[in-house]
Amino acid sequence: MELATKRASADIGIGMYVESEEGNIVQDTVVESIHAMASDSASNIVKGWEVFDGHECSCHTLALSVGTFMESEGVKSVFVKLRGMTTHFNHSVIGRSLLHDCQRNYSLRST
């Protein structure tokens, strides 16, 4: 599932994912290219898939799967910390300035 997601993401322009003919990873920047996670009950997925019959069930299943993953041990604690960091940078002028400097120094896209 991870491999298919990375390939699909790279195909639509979210990062780069390149494999050698032997199947070894040559380049993988998909994860670093994802800047935000939407928690809108999969409305963006529903909109994109509404031309397909049965899209509601597929979108609902996908949303449940992602929700379960986000609550799993290890992942949940990381996202709690990330939310705390986001809150800090949103409320700290100095912190936001430092983050902007880091993004510029490492050639990261800022949002």
N, C-alpha and C. Protein backbone atom coordinates (compact mmCIF):
# COMPACT_ATOMS: atom_id res chain seq x y z
N MET A 1 0.83 -1.18 0.00
CA MET A 1 0.00 0.00 0.00
C MET A 1 0.89 1.26 0.00
N GLU A 2 1.96 1.22 0.80
CA GLU A 2 2.87 2.37 0.87
C GLU A 2 3.47 2.65 -0.50
N LEU A 3 3.94 1.60 -1.16
CA LEU A 3 4.57 1.74 -2.47
C LEU A 3 3.58 2.30 -3.49
N ALA A 4 2.37 1.78 -3.50
CA ALA A 4 1.35 2.25 -4.44
C ALA A 4 1.00 3.71 -4.17
N THR A 5 0.92 4.08 -2.90
CA THR A 5 0.61 5.46 -2.54
C THR A 5 1.73 6.40 -2.99
N LYS A 6 2.97 6.00 -2.76
CA LYS A 6 4.10 6.84 -3.17
C LYS A 6 4.15 6.98 -4.69
N ARG A 7 3.93 5.90 -5.41
CA ARG A 7 3.94 5.97 -6.87
C ARG A 7 2.83 6.89 -7.37
N ALA A 8 1.64 6.71 -6.82
CA ALA A 8 0.50 7.53 -7.25
C ALA A 8 0.73 9.00 -6.91
N SER A 9 1.27 9.26 -5.73
CA SER A 9 1.54 10.65 -5.33
C SER A 9 2.55 11.29 -6.28
N ALA A 10 3.62 10.57 -6.58
CA ALA A 10 4.63 11.10 -7.50
C ALA A 10 4.05 11.33 -8.89
N ASP A 11 3.15 10.45 -9.32
CA ASP A 11 2.53 10.60 -10.64
C ASP A 11 1.72 11.88 -10.76
N ILE A 12 1.16 12.36 -9.64
CA ILE A 12 0.37 13.59 -9.71
C ILE A 12 1.16 14.81 -9.23
N GLY A 13 2.47 14.63 -9.05
CA GLY A 13 3.32 15.78 -8.74
C GLY A 13 3.61 16.03 -7.28
N ILE A 14 3.28 15.07 -6.41
CA ILE A 14 3.60 15.22 -4.99
C ILE A 14 4.92 14.50 -4.75
N GLY A 15 6.01 15.23 -4.84
CA GLY A 15 7.33 14.65 -4.64
C GLY A 15 7.78 13.79 -5.81
N MET A 16 8.90 13.14 -5.61
CA MET A 16 9.49 12.26 -6.63
C MET A 16 9.65 10.87 -6.04
N TYR A 17 9.34 9.85 -6.83
CA TYR A 17 9.57 8.48 -6.41
C TYR A 17 10.09 7.72 -7.62
N VAL A 18 11.36 7.33 -7.57
CA VAL A 18 12.02 6.67 -8.68
C VAL A 18 12.65 5.38 -8.19
N GLU A 19 12.44 4.30 -8.94
CA GLU A 19 13.04 3.00 -8.63
C GLU A 19 13.95 2.58 -9.77
N SER A 20 15.00 1.82 -9.42
CA SER A 20 15.86 1.25 -10.45
C SER A 20 15.15 0.04 -11.06
N GLU A 21 15.72 -0.50 -12.11
CA GLU A 21 15.12 -1.68 -12.75
C GLU A 21 15.09 -2.88 -11.80
N GLU A 22 15.99 -2.89 -10.81
CA GLU A 22 16.04 -3.98 -9.83
C GLU A 22 15.02 -3.78 -8.71
N GLY A 23 14.35 -2.63 -8.71
CA GLY A 23 13.36 -2.36 -7.67
C GLY A 23 13.90 -1.60 -6.48
N ASN A 24 15.15 -1.15 -6.54
CA ASN A 24 15.72 -0.36 -5.45
C ASN A 24 15.26 1.10 -5.56
N ILE A 25 15.09 1.73 -4.43
CA ILE A 25 14.66 3.12 -4.43
C ILE A 25 15.85 4.01 -4.79
N VAL A 26 15.67 4.81 -5.83
CA VAL A 26 16.71 5.74 -6.28
C VAL A 26 16.45 7.12 -5.68
N GLN A 27 15.18 7.53 -5.69
CA GLN A 27 14.80 8.83 -5.13
C GLN A 27 13.41 8.72 -4.53
N ASP A 28 13.24 9.29 -3.34
CA ASP A 28 11.95 9.26 -2.65
C ASP A 28 11.78 10.53 -1.84
N THR A 29 11.01 11.47 -2.38
CA THR A 29 10.75 12.73 -1.67
C THR A 29 9.26 12.94 -1.44
N VAL A 30 8.46 11.88 -1.57
CA VAL A 30 7.01 12.01 -1.45
C VAL A 30 6.61 12.49 -0.06
N VAL A 31 7.12 11.84 0.98
CA VAL A 31 6.72 12.19 2.34
C VAL A 31 7.08 13.63 2.66
N GLU A 32 8.29 14.06 2.24
CA GLU A 32 8.71 15.42 2.51
C GLU A 32 7.88 16.45 1.75
N SER A 33 7.22 16.03 0.68
CA SER A 33 6.44 16.94 -0.14
C SER A 33 5.01 17.12 0.35
N ILE A 34 4.62 16.33 1.31
CA ILE A 34 3.26 16.44 1.84
C ILE A 34 3.30 17.43 3.00
N HIS A 35 2.59 18.55 2.86
CA HIS A 35 2.66 19.62 3.85
C HIS A 35 1.46 19.68 4.79
N ALA A 36 0.35 19.14 4.39
CA ALA A 36 -0.84 19.27 5.23
C ALA A 36 -1.71 18.03 5.08
N MET A 37 -2.45 17.75 6.13
CA MET A 37 -3.37 16.63 6.11
C MET A 37 -4.78 17.18 6.27
N ALA A 38 -5.67 16.78 5.41
CA ALA A 38 -7.05 17.26 5.49
C ALA A 38 -7.87 16.31 6.34
N SER A 39 -8.68 16.86 7.21
CA SER A 39 -9.60 16.02 7.99
C SER A 39 -11.01 16.57 7.76
N ASP A 40 -11.49 16.35 6.57
CA ASP A 40 -12.78 16.90 6.15
C ASP A 40 -13.76 15.80 5.76
N SER A 41 -13.67 14.67 6.45
CA SER A 41 -14.54 13.51 6.17
C SER A 41 -14.43 13.07 4.72
N ALA A 42 -13.25 13.23 4.15
CA ALA A 42 -12.94 12.79 2.78
C ALA A 42 -13.76 13.52 1.72
N SER A 43 -14.20 14.74 1.99
CA SER A 43 -15.01 15.46 1.00
C SER A 43 -14.22 15.74 -0.26
N ASN A 44 -12.91 15.97 -0.14
CA ASN A 44 -12.10 16.19 -1.35
C ASN A 44 -11.99 14.91 -2.17
N ILE A 45 -11.94 13.76 -1.51
CA ILE A 45 -11.89 12.49 -2.23
C ILE A 45 -13.25 12.23 -2.89
N VAL A 46 -14.31 12.48 -2.17
CA VAL A 46 -15.66 12.28 -2.71
C VAL A 46 -15.83 13.13 -3.96
N LYS A 47 -15.40 14.38 -3.91
CA LYS A 47 -15.53 15.29 -5.06
C LYS A 47 -14.77 14.74 -6.26
N GLY A 48 -13.56 14.24 -6.03
CA GLY A 48 -12.75 13.72 -7.13
C GLY A 48 -13.27 12.41 -7.71
N TRP A 49 -13.95 11.63 -6.91
CA TRP A 49 -14.41 10.31 -7.35
C TRP A 49 -15.91 10.26 -7.64
N GLU A 50 -16.61 11.38 -7.58
CA GLU A 50 -18.07 11.33 -7.68
C GLU A 50 -18.58 10.84 -9.03
N VAL A 51 -17.72 10.79 -10.04
CA VAL A 51 -18.16 10.28 -11.34
C VAL A 51 -18.26 8.75 -11.36
N PHE A 52 -17.69 8.09 -10.35
CA PHE A 52 -17.71 6.63 -10.30
C PHE A 52 -18.86 6.13 -9.44
N ASP A 53 -19.57 5.10 -9.95
CA ASP A 53 -20.62 4.48 -9.14
C ASP A 53 -20.02 3.86 -7.90
N GLY A 54 -20.65 4.04 -6.77
CA GLY A 54 -20.19 3.45 -5.52
C GLY A 54 -19.06 4.21 -4.86
N HIS A 55 -18.80 5.43 -5.32
CA HIS A 55 -17.68 6.19 -4.78
C HIS A 55 -17.83 6.48 -3.29
N GLU A 56 -19.07 6.62 -2.83
CA GLU A 56 -19.27 6.94 -1.41
C GLU A 56 -18.69 5.86 -0.50
N CYS A 57 -18.90 4.59 -0.86
CA CYS A 57 -18.38 3.49 -0.04
C CYS A 57 -16.86 3.45 -0.07
N SER A 58 -16.28 3.66 -1.26
CA SER A 58 -14.82 3.66 -1.38
C SER A 58 -14.20 4.78 -0.56
N CYS A 59 -14.78 5.96 -0.67
CA CYS A 59 -14.26 7.12 0.07
C CYS A 59 -14.41 6.92 1.57
N HIS A 60 -15.53 6.38 1.99
CA HIS A 60 -15.76 6.15 3.41
C HIS A 60 -14.77 5.13 3.95
N THR A 61 -14.54 4.05 3.20
CA THR A 61 -13.58 3.03 3.62
C THR A 61 -12.18 3.62 3.73
N LEU A 62 -11.80 4.43 2.75
CA LEU A 62 -10.48 5.07 2.78
C LEU A 62 -10.35 6.01 3.98
N ALA A 63 -11.39 6.79 4.24
CA ALA A 63 -11.36 7.71 5.39
C ALA A 63 -11.25 6.94 6.70
N LEU A 64 -11.97 5.84 6.82
CA LEU A 64 -11.87 5.01 8.04
C LEU A 64 -10.48 4.41 8.19
N SER A 65 -9.90 3.97 7.08
CA SER A 65 -8.55 3.39 7.13
C SER A 65 -7.53 4.42 7.59
N VAL A 66 -7.59 5.62 7.03
CA VAL A 66 -6.66 6.68 7.42
C VAL A 66 -6.88 7.05 8.89
N GLY A 67 -8.15 7.15 9.30
CA GLY A 67 -8.45 7.47 10.70
C GLY A 67 -7.89 6.43 11.65
N THR A 68 -8.02 5.16 11.30
CA THR A 68 -7.49 4.08 12.13
C THR A 68 -5.97 4.17 12.20
N PHE A 69 -5.33 4.43 11.05
CA PHE A 69 -3.87 4.57 11.02
C PHE A 69 -3.42 5.73 11.91
N MET A 70 -4.12 6.85 11.84
CA MET A 70 -3.72 8.04 12.61
C MET A 70 -3.86 7.80 14.12
N GLU A 71 -4.69 6.86 14.52
CA GLU A 71 -4.88 6.56 15.94
C GLU A 71 -4.00 5.41 16.42
N SER A 72 -3.23 4.80 15.52
CA SER A 72 -2.43 3.65 15.91
C SER A 72 -1.25 4.06 16.80
N GLU A 73 -0.78 3.09 17.58
CA GLU A 73 0.31 3.35 18.52
C GLU A 73 1.55 3.80 17.75
N GLY A 74 2.21 4.79 18.23
CA GLY A 74 3.39 5.32 17.58
C GLY A 74 3.05 6.48 16.66
N VAL A 75 2.10 6.29 15.77
CA VAL A 75 1.71 7.35 14.84
C VAL A 75 0.96 8.45 15.59
N LYS A 76 0.05 8.06 16.46
CA LYS A 76 -0.75 9.05 17.19
C LYS A 76 0.14 9.99 18.01
N SER A 77 1.11 9.43 18.71
CA SER A 77 1.97 10.28 19.55
C SER A 77 2.80 11.25 18.71
N VAL A 78 3.20 10.81 17.52
CA VAL A 78 3.95 11.71 16.64
C VAL A 78 3.07 12.87 16.19
N PHE A 79 1.84 12.59 15.81
CA PHE A 79 0.96 13.65 15.35
C PHE A 79 0.54 14.59 16.48
N VAL A 80 0.45 14.09 17.70
CA VAL A 80 0.19 14.97 18.84
C VAL A 80 1.33 15.98 18.98
N LYS A 81 2.57 15.49 18.85
CA LYS A 81 3.73 16.38 18.94
C LYS A 81 3.76 17.35 17.77
N LEU A 82 3.43 16.88 16.56
CA LEU A 82 3.41 17.76 15.40
C LEU A 82 2.35 18.85 15.54
N ARG A 83 1.20 18.50 16.10
CA ARG A 83 0.17 19.52 16.34
C ARG A 83 0.67 20.58 17.32
N GLY A 84 1.39 20.13 18.35
CA GLY A 84 1.97 21.06 19.31
C GLY A 84 2.98 21.98 18.66
N MET A 85 3.81 21.43 17.77
CA MET A 85 4.78 22.26 17.05
C MET A 85 4.07 23.27 16.15
N THR A 86 3.03 22.82 15.47
CA THR A 86 2.28 23.71 14.59
C THR A 86 1.67 24.86 15.39
N THR A 87 1.11 24.53 16.54
CA THR A 87 0.52 25.56 17.40
C THR A 87 1.59 26.56 17.83
N HIS A 88 2.76 26.05 18.20
CA HIS A 88 3.86 26.92 18.61
C HIS A 88 4.23 27.89 17.50
N PHE A 89 4.45 27.36 16.29
CA PHE A 89 4.87 28.22 15.18
C PHE A 89 3.77 29.19 14.76
N ASN A 90 2.51 28.80 14.92
CA ASN A 90 1.41 29.71 14.57
C ASN A 90 1.27 30.86 15.56
N HIS A 91 1.76 30.70 16.80
CA HIS A 91 1.59 31.72 17.82
C HIS A 91 2.89 32.42 18.22
N SER A 92 4.00 32.03 17.63
CA SER A 92 5.29 32.61 18.00
C SER A 92 5.93 33.31 16.80
N VAL A 93 6.08 34.62 16.90
CA VAL A 93 6.71 35.38 15.82
C VAL A 93 8.16 34.94 15.64
N ILE A 94 8.87 34.77 16.73
CA ILE A 94 10.27 34.34 16.67
C ILE A 94 10.36 32.92 16.10
N GLY A 95 9.50 32.03 16.59
CA GLY A 95 9.50 30.65 16.10
C GLY A 95 9.19 30.58 14.62
N ARG A 96 8.24 31.38 14.16
CA ARG A 96 7.88 31.39 12.75
C ARG A 96 9.03 31.92 11.90
N SER A 97 9.72 32.93 12.40
CA SER A 97 10.87 33.48 11.69
C SER A 97 11.98 32.44 11.58
N LEU A 98 12.24 31.70 12.67
CA LEU A 98 13.26 30.65 12.65
C LEU A 98 12.88 29.53 11.69
N LEU A 99 11.62 29.16 11.69
CA LEU A 99 11.15 28.13 10.77
C LEU A 99 11.34 28.57 9.32
N HIS A 100 10.99 29.82 9.04
CA HIS A 100 11.16 30.35 7.68
C HIS A 100 12.64 30.31 7.27
N ASP A 101 13.53 30.67 8.20
CA ASP A 101 14.97 30.62 7.93
C ASP A 101 15.43 29.19 7.61
N CYS A 102 14.95 28.22 8.39
CA CYS A 102 15.30 26.81 8.15
C CYS A 102 14.80 26.36 6.78
N GLN A 103 13.57 26.73 6.44
CA GLN A 103 13.02 26.34 5.15
C GLN A 103 13.84 26.92 4.01
N ARG A 104 14.24 28.17 4.16
CA ARG A 104 15.04 28.83 3.13
C ARG A 104 16.43 28.18 3.05
N ASN A 105 17.07 27.92 4.20
CA ASN A 105 18.41 27.35 4.22
C ASN A 105 18.48 25.95 3.61
N TYR A 106 17.40 25.18 3.77
CA TYR A 106 17.38 23.81 3.25
C TYR A 106 16.59 23.69 1.94
N SER A 107 16.28 24.83 1.35
CA SER A 107 15.54 24.87 0.07
C SER A 107 14.23 24.12 0.15
N LEU A 108 13.51 24.27 1.29
CA LEU A 108 12.20 23.64 1.45
C LEU A 108 11.12 24.64 1.06
N ARG A 109 10.06 24.14 0.49
CA ARG A 109 8.95 25.01 0.10
C ARG A 109 8.22 25.45 1.35
N SER A 110 7.97 26.73 1.46
CA SER A 110 7.21 27.22 2.62
C SER A 110 5.79 27.47 2.17
N THR A 111 4.85 27.29 3.10
CA THR A 111 3.44 27.48 2.75
C THR A 111 2.89 28.69 3.42
